[in-house]
Amino acid sequence: MICKVEVKFSQATLGSNLQVPTLDGPASIKLPAGTQSGAVFRLRKKGMPDLHNGGRGDELVVVNVRTPGDLTSRQRELLEELSREGL
């Protein structure tokens, strides 16, 4: 089972705890600092039931980092400052 989640640039850069949906309800995953778009995290035994052995499969969580489009002048100023620092 695959779940795609969208996270903010700041969450991916600094790290964050995320709530993701599973068949059993929300589950928490820790997003490490520096997570890249396309990163995949595995939630063991949170996926679809296996019809042959009665076990559960894994759920894969695919992270998509959202790039902000509409920036305030302050946000733009801060990003330009980060850019000058090499980020």
N, C-alpha and C. Protein backbone atom coordinates (compact mmCIF):
# COMPACT_ATOMS: atom_id res chain seq x y z
N MET A 1 0.85 -1.16 0.00
CA MET A 1 0.00 0.00 0.00
C MET A 1 0.90 1.23 0.00
N ILE A 2 0.56 2.22 -0.80
CA ILE A 2 1.37 3.43 -0.92
C ILE A 2 0.53 4.63 -0.52
N CYS A 3 1.11 5.48 0.31
CA CYS A 3 0.48 6.73 0.74
C CYS A 3 1.41 7.86 0.36
N LYS A 4 0.91 8.84 -0.35
CA LYS A 4 1.72 10.00 -0.72
C LYS A 4 1.33 11.17 0.18
N VAL A 5 2.35 11.82 0.77
CA VAL A 5 2.10 12.96 1.64
C VAL A 5 2.89 14.16 1.15
N GLU A 6 2.30 15.32 1.30
CA GLU A 6 2.96 16.56 0.92
C GLU A 6 3.40 17.26 2.20
N VAL A 7 4.66 17.70 2.23
CA VAL A 7 5.19 18.39 3.41
C VAL A 7 5.74 19.74 3.00
N LYS A 8 5.81 20.64 3.95
CA LYS A 8 6.37 21.96 3.71
C LYS A 8 7.88 21.87 3.59
N PHE A 9 8.46 22.82 2.89
CA PHE A 9 9.91 22.94 2.74
C PHE A 9 10.57 22.95 4.11
N SER A 10 10.01 23.70 5.05
CA SER A 10 10.60 23.81 6.39
C SER A 10 10.55 22.47 7.13
N GLN A 11 9.47 21.70 6.97
CA GLN A 11 9.37 20.40 7.62
C GLN A 11 10.45 19.44 7.10
N ALA A 12 10.65 19.44 5.80
CA ALA A 12 11.65 18.56 5.20
C ALA A 12 13.07 18.99 5.58
N THR A 13 13.29 20.27 5.66
CA THR A 13 14.62 20.77 5.96
C THR A 13 15.00 20.58 7.43
N LEU A 14 14.08 20.89 8.32
CA LEU A 14 14.37 20.87 9.75
C LEU A 14 14.01 19.55 10.43
N GLY A 15 13.19 18.73 9.77
CA GLY A 15 12.68 17.51 10.38
C GLY A 15 11.35 17.79 11.06
N SER A 16 10.54 16.76 11.20
CA SER A 16 9.20 16.95 11.74
C SER A 16 8.58 15.60 12.08
N ASN A 17 7.56 15.62 12.90
CA ASN A 17 6.74 14.44 13.13
C ASN A 17 5.48 14.60 12.30
N LEU A 18 5.12 13.56 11.54
CA LEU A 18 3.95 13.61 10.67
C LEU A 18 2.92 12.59 11.11
N GLN A 19 1.67 12.92 10.93
CA GLN A 19 0.58 11.97 11.08
C GLN A 19 0.19 11.54 9.67
N VAL A 20 0.21 10.24 9.42
CA VAL A 20 -0.17 9.71 8.11
C VAL A 20 -1.32 8.73 8.28
N PRO A 21 -2.21 8.66 7.29
CA PRO A 21 -3.33 7.73 7.40
C PRO A 21 -2.88 6.30 7.15
N THR A 22 -3.46 5.36 7.91
CA THR A 22 -3.27 3.93 7.69
C THR A 22 -4.64 3.28 7.77
N LEU A 23 -4.70 2.01 7.48
CA LEU A 23 -5.97 1.28 7.58
C LEU A 23 -6.47 1.23 9.02
N ASP A 24 -5.58 1.36 9.98
CA ASP A 24 -5.93 1.31 11.40
C ASP A 24 -6.13 2.68 12.01
N GLY A 25 -6.10 3.74 11.21
CA GLY A 25 -6.17 5.10 11.72
C GLY A 25 -4.82 5.78 11.59
N PRO A 26 -4.72 7.02 12.04
CA PRO A 26 -3.47 7.77 11.87
C PRO A 26 -2.30 7.11 12.60
N ALA A 27 -1.12 7.23 11.97
CA ALA A 27 0.13 6.75 12.58
C ALA A 27 1.14 7.88 12.48
N SER A 28 2.08 7.90 13.39
CA SER A 28 3.09 8.94 13.42
C SER A 28 4.39 8.42 12.82
N ILE A 29 5.01 9.24 12.00
CA ILE A 29 6.36 8.93 11.51
C ILE A 29 7.25 10.13 11.76
N LYS A 30 8.52 9.87 11.99
CA LYS A 30 9.49 10.94 12.20
C LYS A 30 10.18 11.22 10.87
N LEU A 31 10.06 12.44 10.43
CA LEU A 31 10.70 12.89 9.20
C LEU A 31 12.05 13.48 9.61
N PRO A 32 13.16 12.86 9.24
CA PRO A 32 14.46 13.39 9.65
C PRO A 32 14.81 14.69 8.93
N ALA A 33 15.63 15.50 9.56
CA ALA A 33 16.10 16.74 8.93
C ALA A 33 16.80 16.42 7.61
N GLY A 34 16.55 17.22 6.61
CA GLY A 34 17.18 17.04 5.30
C GLY A 34 16.48 16.03 4.41
N THR A 35 15.24 15.68 4.73
CA THR A 35 14.49 14.73 3.90
C THR A 35 14.28 15.31 2.50
N GLN A 36 14.54 14.52 1.49
CA GLN A 36 14.40 14.94 0.10
C GLN A 36 13.04 14.53 -0.45
N SER A 37 12.57 15.27 -1.43
CA SER A 37 11.34 14.91 -2.12
C SER A 37 11.53 13.55 -2.78
N GLY A 38 10.54 12.68 -2.64
CA GLY A 38 10.64 11.34 -3.20
C GLY A 38 11.11 10.29 -2.19
N ALA A 39 11.50 10.74 -0.99
CA ALA A 39 11.94 9.79 0.04
C ALA A 39 10.78 8.87 0.40
N VAL A 40 11.10 7.60 0.68
CA VAL A 40 10.09 6.60 1.01
C VAL A 40 10.35 6.06 2.41
N PHE A 41 9.30 6.02 3.22
CA PHE A 41 9.38 5.47 4.57
C PHE A 41 8.43 4.28 4.64
N ARG A 42 8.83 3.27 5.40
CA ARG A 42 8.06 2.03 5.50
C ARG A 42 7.41 1.92 6.88
N LEU A 43 6.10 1.68 6.88
CA LEU A 43 5.39 1.38 8.11
C LEU A 43 5.08 -0.11 8.09
N ARG A 44 5.82 -0.86 8.85
CA ARG A 44 5.68 -2.32 8.85
C ARG A 44 4.33 -2.75 9.40
N LYS A 45 3.71 -3.69 8.68
CA LYS A 45 2.44 -4.31 9.06
C LYS A 45 1.30 -3.32 9.21
N LYS A 46 1.35 -2.22 8.42
CA LYS A 46 0.27 -1.24 8.42
C LYS A 46 -0.45 -1.20 7.08
N GLY A 47 -0.09 -2.11 6.17
CA GLY A 47 -0.67 -2.12 4.83
C GLY A 47 -1.84 -3.08 4.70
N MET A 48 -2.05 -3.54 3.50
CA MET A 48 -3.18 -4.40 3.18
C MET A 48 -2.99 -5.81 3.76
N PRO A 49 -4.11 -6.44 4.15
CA PRO A 49 -4.02 -7.82 4.63
C PRO A 49 -3.60 -8.77 3.50
N ASP A 50 -2.82 -9.78 3.85
CA ASP A 50 -2.41 -10.81 2.90
C ASP A 50 -3.45 -11.92 2.95
N LEU A 51 -4.11 -12.19 1.85
CA LEU A 51 -5.18 -13.17 1.81
C LEU A 51 -4.69 -14.60 1.98
N HIS A 52 -3.41 -14.84 1.74
CA HIS A 52 -2.88 -16.19 1.81
C HIS A 52 -2.44 -16.61 3.21
N ASN A 53 -1.80 -15.70 3.94
CA ASN A 53 -1.30 -16.10 5.26
C ASN A 53 -1.91 -15.32 6.42
N GLY A 54 -2.80 -14.40 6.13
CA GLY A 54 -3.48 -13.66 7.19
C GLY A 54 -2.67 -12.54 7.80
N GLY A 55 -1.43 -12.35 7.36
CA GLY A 55 -0.60 -11.26 7.88
C GLY A 55 -0.96 -9.94 7.23
N ARG A 56 -0.20 -8.94 7.54
CA ARG A 56 -0.41 -7.62 6.96
C ARG A 56 0.84 -7.21 6.19
N GLY A 57 0.63 -6.52 5.09
CA GLY A 57 1.74 -5.97 4.34
C GLY A 57 2.21 -4.66 4.94
N ASP A 58 3.19 -4.05 4.30
CA ASP A 58 3.72 -2.77 4.76
C ASP A 58 3.05 -1.63 4.01
N GLU A 59 2.99 -0.49 4.64
CA GLU A 59 2.55 0.73 3.97
C GLU A 59 3.78 1.55 3.66
N LEU A 60 3.89 2.02 2.43
CA LEU A 60 4.99 2.88 2.03
C LEU A 60 4.49 4.32 2.00
N VAL A 61 5.23 5.21 2.65
CA VAL A 61 4.88 6.62 2.68
C VAL A 61 5.88 7.37 1.81
N VAL A 62 5.39 7.97 0.72
CA VAL A 62 6.24 8.71 -0.20
C VAL A 62 6.08 10.20 0.09
N VAL A 63 7.21 10.88 0.32
CA VAL A 63 7.20 12.29 0.70
C VAL A 63 7.39 13.17 -0.54
N ASN A 64 6.53 14.17 -0.67
CA ASN A 64 6.66 15.18 -1.71
C ASN A 64 6.84 16.52 -1.02
N VAL A 65 7.99 17.16 -1.25
CA VAL A 65 8.27 18.45 -0.64
C VAL A 65 7.64 19.54 -1.51
N ARG A 66 6.77 20.32 -0.87
CA ARG A 66 6.06 21.38 -1.59
C ARG A 66 6.93 22.64 -1.61
N THR A 67 7.16 23.17 -2.79
CA THR A 67 7.91 24.40 -2.95
C THR A 67 6.92 25.56 -2.91
N PRO A 68 7.14 26.52 -2.02
CA PRO A 68 6.18 27.62 -1.91
C PRO A 68 6.15 28.46 -3.19
N GLY A 69 4.95 28.87 -3.55
CA GLY A 69 4.79 29.67 -4.76
C GLY A 69 4.60 31.14 -4.46
N ASP A 70 3.64 31.45 -3.62
CA ASP A 70 3.35 32.85 -3.27
C ASP A 70 4.04 33.19 -1.96
N LEU A 71 5.10 33.97 -2.05
CA LEU A 71 5.86 34.34 -0.87
C LEU A 71 5.55 35.77 -0.46
N THR A 72 5.51 36.00 0.84
CA THR A 72 5.43 37.37 1.33
C THR A 72 6.80 38.01 1.12
N SER A 73 6.87 39.31 1.22
CA SER A 73 8.16 39.97 1.04
C SER A 73 9.15 39.52 2.13
N ARG A 74 8.66 39.28 3.34
CA ARG A 74 9.53 38.82 4.43
C ARG A 74 10.06 37.41 4.16
N GLN A 75 9.19 36.52 3.67
CA GLN A 75 9.61 35.15 3.35
C GLN A 75 10.66 35.17 2.24
N ARG A 76 10.43 36.00 1.24
CA ARG A 76 11.39 36.12 0.13
C ARG A 76 12.74 36.63 0.65
N GLU A 77 12.69 37.62 1.51
CA GLU A 77 13.90 38.18 2.09
C GLU A 77 14.68 37.11 2.87
N LEU A 78 13.97 36.31 3.66
CA LEU A 78 14.62 35.25 4.44
C LEU A 78 15.24 34.18 3.53
N LEU A 79 14.52 33.80 2.47
CA LEU A 79 15.07 32.81 1.54
C LEU A 79 16.28 33.36 0.79
N GLU A 80 16.25 34.63 0.44
CA GLU A 80 17.41 35.24 -0.23
C GLU A 80 18.61 35.26 0.72
N GLU A 81 18.35 35.50 2.00
CA GLU A 81 19.44 35.48 2.99
C GLU A 81 20.01 34.07 3.12
N LEU A 82 19.15 33.05 3.16
CA LEU A 82 19.61 31.66 3.20
C LEU A 82 20.43 31.33 1.95
N SER A 83 19.99 31.83 0.81
CA SER A 83 20.70 31.58 -0.44
C SER A 83 22.11 32.16 -0.39
N ARG A 84 22.23 33.36 0.17
CA ARG A 84 23.56 33.98 0.29
C ARG A 84 24.46 33.17 1.22
N GLU A 85 23.86 32.46 2.18
CA GLU A 85 24.63 31.64 3.12
C GLU A 85 24.99 30.27 2.52
N GLY A 86 24.54 30.02 1.29
CA GLY A 86 24.90 28.77 0.62
C GLY A 86 23.83 27.71 0.63
N LEU A 87 22.64 28.02 1.11
CA LEU A 87 21.57 27.02 1.13
C LEU A 87 20.81 27.03 -0.17
